[in-house]
Every structure is written in C-alpha cells, then in structure tokens.
Amino acid sequence: MLNNLKTKFILGIAFGVVVLAGLGLYADFHKLAQGVLGFPLKYVPFLLGLTLFNYLLRFFKWQFYLHRIGVRDLPWQTSMMLFFSGLSMAVTPGKIGEWLKSYLLREVHGTPFARSAPVIVAERLTDGIAMVLLASGGLVIFRTGWQVALLVTVLCVFIITAIQVRRAALFFLGIAEMLPLLSNFTHHFHDMYESATAIFNFKSLAVGIVIGLVSWSGECLAFYLVLNGLGQEASLLLLLQATFILAVVSLGGSIFLMPGGLGIAEGGIIGLCQALLGMPRDLAATAAIIIRLSTLWFGVCVGLLFLALANRRLKPRSPLLGLGK
C-alpha cells in the first residue's frame, strides 16, 4: 500500500508542476510572477492561520467519529499525528491517499482497516454537504454551478440512504458472499457496514456537517482576503462571491477525482473570478495560485512534517513512504 501511495504522491506533485506551467502559459509567466511576489505579505499569516483553523476543526471531527466507532483509548497527540499525516496525501487522485490515516491507525493502534474506513467516507461526505450549503447563497444569486452541487447532493443522499436501509444493505452483502471474487472479503464488508451504521445517523452526520460549515468557512474567508489583497473592494458581496467560488470549485475537484482537485480547482477559480468579478486573466490566475499555495500545498507540507514525526515517534511496523526511522 505504501509504495502505491508513494507513486501516486509523486505523480500528484508532477501534475501540480504541469498545472502551474499551464497557468503560466495562460496568464503570462512574467505577470503571474509579479502578481504572486507583489501580494501584500501582511495577509499571509491570516491565510495560513485560517487554513490551520480549518484543519484543526477537521481534526476534531476525526476524533468525534473515532469515538463513535469505539476508538476511545487513542491518545489525542497520537490521533493528531495520524490525522495531519493524512494531509500529505491530499494530492493523490480522489484524495485516495487519505486512507493512509486508516492504515496508520491500524499500524499504531491495531484498529482494523475496515472498521475505520467509514470515518474517511463520513469526513468527505459531511465536507461535501457543508460545501453545498456554503455555496447555496451564490447558487441562488449567480445561477451557475448548480449542476455540481446537485450531483454532490444526490451522491450524498444515495450513500446515506444505502447505509440507513439495513435490510437492503444486508441483502447486497449476502449477494457478495455468493460471488467467488468477493466471498473472501465479505467479513471485511460486514465490519465496514457495522462501523458505518454507528456514524451515518442523523446526530453524527449533523455534527460533522456543522463542523464542516465552520471549518471550511475559514478557507472561504482566506480566499476573500486573497481577492481583497489583489485589489477587490472589501464588501459583503465579495465575501459571498469568494465563498461561492471556493465552495463550487472544491466540489468540482472532488467530483472529478483529480489529485487535490488540481487543474479543476485552478481553472474554476480563474473562470469564475473573470465571470463574476471581472478580473483580468493574470490577476485571476494569481488569485488561484495564492489560495492554492495557502491551502492545498501548505497542507501537504504540514502533512509531510507530521508524517515524518509519526514515523519517528510512533514506530509503525514498516517505514512510512520511505521515511527512515
């Protein structure tokens, strides 16, 4: 698993370089460099602080869901290392690298992978619903991006319903037991389903969605500051536009399963900044680069630091992604 994740991580980094080169070709490398280097430094601590605010609240969501599946004896410091280590894999396709958290939890605590896997799904699902809610005001006013929000909503409703209707879920699990290729794994599916029922209920999902709303509002506010730092006049309308743009492009990146939303997110930010704010292409591209450096790539760097720390202190049974002990 680790070698597979390492390969996907390297490919994600390479794709990030390709996207950056594409932005430079689209917006003019010289103007883009001037825009990024000329961005007021006074905003940077707030951008990074708001991103950390998002990550910390999402850590509390991770903790809440671990408690719901019965993992209550894991020290919070260890849990934090596992959670933040998962950020290092944000640039893997579809954020599949976030399953690293379940792998690490099994390595250092012994929690079966199938038992903790639904926590990862619940995190992504509640974040998706939170993003739809954050984008809802803009969806009504600007009347664009509703297709993405609708698709995410339908997908979330389908997953929740499929888990809540126990008879149907057990029926499909029974079919899996009769299939040669799946029969050897059905006990894992049963463990996964029982764990999912503990967190895919109204109370647990509501807590996750509320945390998601507050946490992702931090990154939306960060994007508002980026736009303001690039010359857009501070106003409630700009805050609404920034929230709408960041929420919609984040949803789009998740749907298309691109590594860290690369390409989709940057392109969406540029297009919507031009359409809604009338920004020239170089400023719109500058806004995309700054917010992505402050959120996605900052998170990857934080995740790598915690991954190295986890490898050194938690002493898992095998070295993590080639990091020596």
Protein backbone atom coordinates (compact mmCIF):
# COMPACT_ATOMS: atom_id res chain seq x y z
CA MET A 1 0.00 0.00 0.00
CA LEU A 2 2.73 2.45 0.98
CA ASN A 3 4.67 2.03 -2.26
CA ASN A 4 1.44 2.56 -4.21
CA LEU A 5 0.70 5.75 -2.28
CA LYS A 6 4.27 6.97 -2.73
CA THR A 7 3.92 6.57 -6.51
CA LYS A 8 0.58 8.39 -6.54
CA PHE A 9 2.05 11.17 -4.40
CA ILE A 10 4.96 11.69 -6.80
CA LEU A 11 2.56 11.71 -9.76
CA GLY A 12 0.42 14.28 -7.93
CA ILE A 13 3.42 16.55 -7.39
CA ALA A 14 4.38 16.20 -11.05
CA PHE A 15 0.84 17.05 -12.13
CA GLY A 16 0.93 20.10 -9.87
CA VAL A 17 4.02 21.33 -11.73
CA VAL A 18 2.22 20.78 -15.05
CA VAL A 19 -0.79 22.79 -13.82
CA LEU A 20 1.48 25.63 -12.68
CA ALA A 21 3.17 25.67 -16.09
CA GLY A 22 -0.23 25.74 -17.75
CA LEU A 23 -1.29 28.73 -15.64
CA GLY A 24 1.91 30.50 -16.62
CA LEU A 25 1.23 29.93 -20.31
CA TYR A 26 -2.36 31.10 -19.95
CA ALA A 27 -1.72 34.22 -17.87
CA ASP A 28 1.87 35.15 -18.87
CA PHE A 29 4.67 33.93 -16.60
CA HIS A 30 6.05 37.42 -16.02
CA LYS A 31 2.72 38.94 -14.93
CA LEU A 32 1.96 35.90 -12.83
CA ALA A 33 5.29 36.10 -11.02
CA GLN A 34 4.80 39.82 -10.45
CA GLY A 35 1.34 39.22 -9.02
CA VAL A 36 2.40 36.47 -6.63
CA LEU A 37 5.61 38.21 -5.46
CA GLY A 38 3.80 41.53 -5.16
CA PHE A 39 0.99 40.14 -2.99
CA PRO A 40 0.96 42.01 0.39
CA LEU A 41 2.82 39.92 2.94
CA LYS A 42 0.60 41.20 5.74
CA TYR A 43 -2.14 38.87 4.52
CA VAL A 44 -0.02 35.70 4.61
CA PRO A 45 -0.25 34.96 8.38
CA PHE A 46 -4.04 35.28 8.19
CA LEU A 47 -4.26 32.98 5.16
CA LEU A 48 -2.16 30.28 6.82
CA GLY A 49 -3.91 30.78 10.16
CA LEU A 50 -7.35 30.32 8.60
CA THR A 51 -6.14 27.18 6.83
CA LEU A 52 -4.83 25.78 10.13
CA PHE A 53 -8.17 26.70 11.70
CA ASN A 54 -9.86 24.53 9.07
CA TYR A 55 -7.51 21.62 9.68
CA LEU A 56 -7.85 21.78 13.47
CA LEU A 57 -11.63 21.70 13.33
CA ARG A 58 -11.49 18.81 10.89
CA PHE A 59 -9.22 17.02 13.38
CA PHE A 60 -11.96 17.37 16.00
CA LYS A 61 -14.38 15.82 13.50
CA TRP A 62 -11.94 12.92 13.04
CA GLN A 63 -11.78 12.50 16.82
CA PHE A 64 -15.56 12.60 17.13
CA TYR A 65 -16.02 9.86 14.53
CA LEU A 66 -13.28 7.70 16.06
CA HIS A 67 -15.16 7.84 19.35
CA ARG A 68 -18.37 6.87 17.55
CA ILE A 69 -16.75 3.64 16.27
CA GLY A 70 -15.36 2.82 19.70
CA VAL A 71 -11.77 4.08 19.41
CA ARG A 72 -11.60 5.94 22.73
CA ASP A 73 -8.24 4.89 24.14
CA LEU A 74 -6.08 6.56 21.47
CA PRO A 75 -4.09 9.49 22.96
CA TRP A 76 -5.10 12.72 21.30
CA GLN A 77 -1.47 13.53 20.45
CA THR A 78 -1.16 10.25 18.53
CA SER A 79 -4.52 10.82 16.87
CA MET A 80 -3.40 14.28 15.78
CA MET A 81 -0.23 12.84 14.21
CA LEU A 82 -2.32 10.33 12.26
CA PHE A 83 -4.82 12.93 11.08
CA PHE A 84 -2.28 15.52 9.98
CA SER A 85 -0.12 12.86 8.33
CA GLY A 86 -3.08 12.20 6.05
CA LEU A 87 -2.85 15.75 4.71
CA SER A 88 0.41 14.78 3.00
CA MET A 89 -1.62 12.65 0.57
CA ALA A 90 -4.06 15.41 -0.46
CA VAL A 91 -2.57 15.47 -3.98
CA THR A 92 -3.31 11.81 -4.67
CA PRO A 93 -6.19 11.09 -7.13
CA GLY A 94 -9.56 11.48 -5.44
CA LYS A 95 -7.67 12.05 -2.17
CA ILE A 96 -7.36 8.26 -2.02
CA GLY A 97 -4.21 8.82 0.00
CA GLU A 98 -6.35 9.89 2.95
CA TRP A 99 -6.83 6.16 3.55
CA LEU A 100 -3.31 6.46 4.91
CA LYS A 101 -4.99 7.53 8.16
CA SER A 102 -6.76 4.18 8.44
CA TYR A 103 -3.54 2.37 7.60
CA LEU A 104 -1.61 4.28 10.27
CA LEU A 105 -4.40 3.72 12.80
CA ARG A 106 -4.10 0.00 12.21
CA GLU A 107 -0.30 0.12 12.44
CA VAL A 108 -0.06 2.02 15.73
CA HIS A 109 -3.34 1.10 17.45
CA GLY A 110 -4.49 -2.17 15.90
CA THR A 111 -7.86 -0.85 14.73
CA PRO A 112 -8.92 -2.93 11.70
CA PHE A 113 -8.81 -1.02 8.43
CA ALA A 114 -12.43 -1.93 7.63
CA ARG A 115 -13.57 -0.54 10.96
CA SER A 116 -12.08 2.94 10.47
CA ALA A 117 -12.62 3.25 6.70
CA PRO A 118 -16.19 4.61 7.09
CA VAL A 119 -14.73 7.51 9.10
CA ILE A 120 -12.87 8.68 5.97
CA VAL A 121 -16.08 8.41 3.94
CA ALA A 122 -18.05 10.32 6.59
CA GLU A 123 -15.43 13.09 6.64
CA ARG A 124 -15.63 13.56 2.87
CA LEU A 125 -19.42 13.27 2.77
CA THR A 126 -20.05 15.84 5.51
CA ASP A 127 -17.48 18.17 3.96
CA GLY A 128 -19.32 17.86 0.64
CA ILE A 129 -22.67 18.71 2.20
CA ALA A 130 -21.09 21.63 4.05
CA MET A 131 -19.65 22.94 0.76
CA VAL A 132 -23.05 22.72 -0.92
CA LEU A 133 -24.56 24.74 1.94
CA LEU A 134 -21.76 27.32 1.75
CA ALA A 135 -22.32 27.66 -1.99
CA SER A 136 -26.12 27.81 -1.74
CA GLY A 137 -26.36 31.61 -1.48
CA GLY A 138 -24.26 32.05 -4.60
CA LEU A 139 -26.18 29.31 -6.40
CA VAL A 140 -29.38 31.31 -5.96
CA ILE A 141 -27.88 34.69 -6.84
CA PHE A 142 -25.44 33.79 -9.62
CA ARG A 143 -27.37 30.81 -11.04
CA THR A 144 -24.27 28.90 -12.01
CA GLY A 145 -22.56 25.80 -10.65
CA TRP A 146 -25.86 24.22 -9.59
CA GLN A 147 -25.11 21.08 -11.61
CA VAL A 148 -22.07 20.33 -9.45
CA ALA A 149 -23.97 21.00 -6.22
CA LEU A 150 -26.89 18.82 -7.36
CA LEU A 151 -24.61 15.91 -8.27
CA VAL A 152 -22.86 16.05 -4.89
CA THR A 153 -26.22 16.24 -3.07
CA VAL A 154 -27.65 13.25 -4.94
CA LEU A 155 -24.49 11.22 -4.28
CA CYS A 156 -24.54 12.05 -0.56
CA VAL A 157 -28.25 11.19 -0.23
CA PHE A 158 -27.68 7.89 -2.04
CA ILE A 159 -24.80 6.87 0.27
CA ILE A 160 -26.67 7.82 3.44
CA THR A 161 -29.85 6.04 2.32
CA ALA A 162 -27.96 2.91 1.27
CA ILE A 163 -26.42 2.64 4.74
CA GLN A 164 -29.56 3.51 6.69
CA VAL A 165 -31.75 0.89 4.95
CA ARG A 166 -30.26 -2.08 6.77
CA ARG A 167 -32.32 -4.75 5.05
CA ALA A 168 -31.15 -3.62 1.62
CA ALA A 169 -27.53 -3.36 2.75
CA LEU A 170 -27.57 -6.88 4.22
CA PHE A 171 -29.22 -8.17 1.04
CA PHE A 172 -26.36 -6.87 -1.10
CA LEU A 173 -23.81 -8.18 1.39
CA GLY A 174 -25.46 -11.58 1.12
CA ILE A 175 -25.10 -11.47 -2.66
CA ALA A 176 -21.42 -10.59 -2.26
CA GLU A 177 -20.94 -13.70 -0.10
CA MET A 178 -22.03 -15.87 -3.05
CA LEU A 179 -19.64 -14.28 -5.54
CA PRO A 180 -16.28 -16.08 -5.91
CA LEU A 181 -14.19 -12.90 -6.17
CA LEU A 182 -15.85 -11.19 -3.19
CA SER A 183 -16.71 -14.03 -0.82
CA ASN A 184 -13.29 -13.95 0.88
CA PHE A 185 -13.73 -10.25 1.71
CA THR A 186 -17.34 -10.21 2.92
CA HIS A 187 -16.33 -10.29 6.59
CA HIS A 188 -14.48 -7.01 5.97
CA PHE A 189 -17.58 -5.59 4.27
CA HIS A 190 -19.70 -6.59 7.27
CA ASP A 191 -17.24 -4.92 9.66
CA MET A 192 -17.23 -1.83 7.50
CA TYR A 193 -21.02 -1.69 7.38
CA GLU A 194 -21.44 -2.11 11.15
CA SER A 195 -18.94 0.69 11.69
CA ALA A 196 -20.73 2.88 9.15
CA THR A 197 -24.08 2.49 10.91
CA ALA A 198 -22.51 3.99 14.04
CA ILE A 199 -21.62 7.24 12.28
CA PHE A 200 -24.11 7.56 9.42
CA ASN A 201 -27.02 8.55 11.64
CA PHE A 202 -28.69 11.94 11.89
CA LYS A 203 -26.88 13.12 15.02
CA SER A 204 -23.38 12.10 13.91
CA LEU A 205 -23.84 13.47 10.40
CA ALA A 206 -25.31 16.73 11.74
CA VAL A 207 -22.27 17.23 14.00
CA GLY A 208 -19.94 16.56 11.07
CA ILE A 209 -21.79 18.97 8.78
CA VAL A 210 -21.78 21.76 11.36
CA ILE A 211 -18.04 21.31 11.93
CA GLY A 212 -17.57 21.28 8.15
CA LEU A 213 -19.51 24.50 7.74
CA VAL A 214 -17.41 26.32 10.31
CA SER A 215 -14.07 24.84 9.26
CA TRP A 216 -14.43 25.41 5.51
CA SER A 217 -15.71 28.93 6.19
CA GLY A 218 -12.14 29.60 7.29
CA GLU A 219 -10.73 28.82 3.85
CA CYS A 220 -13.53 30.78 2.17
CA LEU A 221 -12.59 33.77 4.31
CA ALA A 222 -8.96 33.21 3.31
CA PHE A 223 -9.94 33.44 -0.35
CA TYR A 224 -11.85 36.64 0.40
CA LEU A 225 -8.62 38.08 1.84
CA VAL A 226 -6.72 36.97 -1.26
CA LEU A 227 -9.17 38.80 -3.51
CA ASN A 228 -9.05 41.86 -1.28
CA GLY A 229 -5.25 41.78 -1.31
CA LEU A 230 -5.34 41.75 -5.11
CA GLY A 231 -7.38 44.94 -5.26
CA GLN A 232 -11.01 43.83 -4.96
CA GLU A 233 -13.03 46.17 -2.74
CA ALA A 234 -13.95 44.71 0.64
CA SER A 235 -17.70 44.10 0.90
CA LEU A 236 -20.28 41.53 1.92
CA LEU A 237 -20.86 40.83 -1.77
CA LEU A 238 -17.17 40.00 -2.25
CA LEU A 239 -17.35 37.65 0.74
CA LEU A 240 -20.37 35.92 -0.80
CA GLN A 241 -18.60 35.66 -4.15
CA ALA A 242 -15.41 34.30 -2.58
CA THR A 243 -17.36 31.71 -0.58
CA PHE A 244 -19.34 30.64 -3.63
CA ILE A 245 -16.28 30.35 -5.87
CA LEU A 246 -14.17 28.36 -3.43
CA ALA A 247 -17.03 26.05 -2.44
CA VAL A 248 -18.05 25.27 -6.03
CA VAL A 249 -14.52 24.64 -7.33
CA SER A 250 -13.76 22.43 -4.32
CA LEU A 251 -16.85 20.36 -5.06
CA GLY A 252 -15.86 20.15 -8.71
CA GLY A 253 -12.38 18.94 -7.86
CA SER A 254 -13.83 16.22 -5.62
CA ILE A 255 -16.33 15.01 -8.21
CA PHE A 256 -13.77 14.64 -10.98
CA LEU A 257 -11.34 12.86 -8.61
CA MET A 258 -8.36 14.90 -9.76
CA PRO A 259 -5.30 14.82 -7.47
CA GLY A 260 -6.08 17.52 -4.93
CA GLY A 261 -8.55 18.95 -7.44
CA LEU A 262 -5.54 20.09 -9.48
CA GLY A 263 -6.47 21.74 -12.73
CA ILE A 264 -10.20 21.70 -11.98
CA ALA A 265 -9.92 24.00 -8.96
CA GLU A 266 -7.46 26.42 -10.54
CA GLY A 267 -9.42 26.57 -13.78
CA GLY A 268 -12.68 27.07 -11.92
CA ILE A 269 -11.27 29.86 -9.78
CA ILE A 270 -9.89 31.66 -12.81
CA GLY A 271 -13.09 31.30 -14.81
CA LEU A 272 -15.41 32.38 -12.01
CA CYS A 273 -13.18 35.28 -10.97
CA GLN A 274 -13.31 36.55 -14.53
CA ALA A 275 -17.05 35.96 -14.89
CA LEU A 276 -18.25 37.24 -11.52
CA LEU A 277 -15.59 39.78 -10.58
CA GLY A 278 -14.39 40.95 -13.98
CA MET A 279 -10.77 40.22 -13.07
CA PRO A 280 -8.20 40.07 -15.90
CA ARG A 281 -6.73 36.65 -16.55
CA ASP A 282 -3.37 37.38 -14.89
CA LEU A 283 -4.99 38.56 -11.63
CA ALA A 284 -7.47 35.68 -11.65
CA ALA A 285 -4.61 33.20 -12.13
CA THR A 286 -2.64 34.94 -9.37
CA ALA A 287 -5.62 34.54 -7.02
CA ALA A 288 -5.81 30.83 -7.89
CA ILE A 289 -2.11 30.25 -7.21
CA ILE A 290 -2.06 32.16 -3.91
CA ILE A 291 -5.11 30.43 -2.43
CA ARG A 292 -3.90 27.02 -3.54
CA LEU A 293 -0.44 27.64 -2.07
CA SER A 294 -2.08 28.79 1.16
CA THR A 295 -4.43 25.82 1.45
CA LEU A 296 -3.63 22.69 -0.57
CA TRP A 297 0.16 22.96 -0.76
CA PHE A 298 0.53 24.36 2.74
CA GLY A 299 -1.49 21.37 3.95
CA VAL A 300 0.73 18.94 2.05
CA CYS A 301 3.83 20.46 3.67
CA VAL A 302 2.27 20.26 7.14
CA GLY A 303 1.25 16.67 6.42
CA LEU A 304 4.77 15.66 5.39
CA LEU A 305 6.18 17.11 8.61
CA PHE A 306 3.68 15.15 10.70
CA LEU A 307 4.28 12.01 8.63
CA ALA A 308 7.99 12.22 9.38
CA LEU A 309 7.17 12.83 13.06
CA ALA A 310 4.80 9.85 13.13
CA ASN A 311 7.43 7.64 11.52
CA ARG A 312 9.96 8.62 14.16
CA ARG A 313 7.79 8.62 17.29
CA LEU A 314 5.01 6.12 16.69
CA LYS A 315 7.32 3.42 15.28
CA PRO A 316 4.87 1.70 12.92
CA ARG A 317 5.66 -1.84 11.80
CA SER A 318 7.05 -0.62 8.45
CA PRO A 319 8.69 2.73 7.49
CA LEU A 320 6.22 5.26 6.12
CA LEU A 321 6.62 6.15 2.44
CA GLY A 322 10.33 5.56 2.54
CA LEU A 323 10.97 7.86 5.51
CA GLY A 324 13.72 6.35 7.61
CA LYS A 325 13.42 5.86 11.33
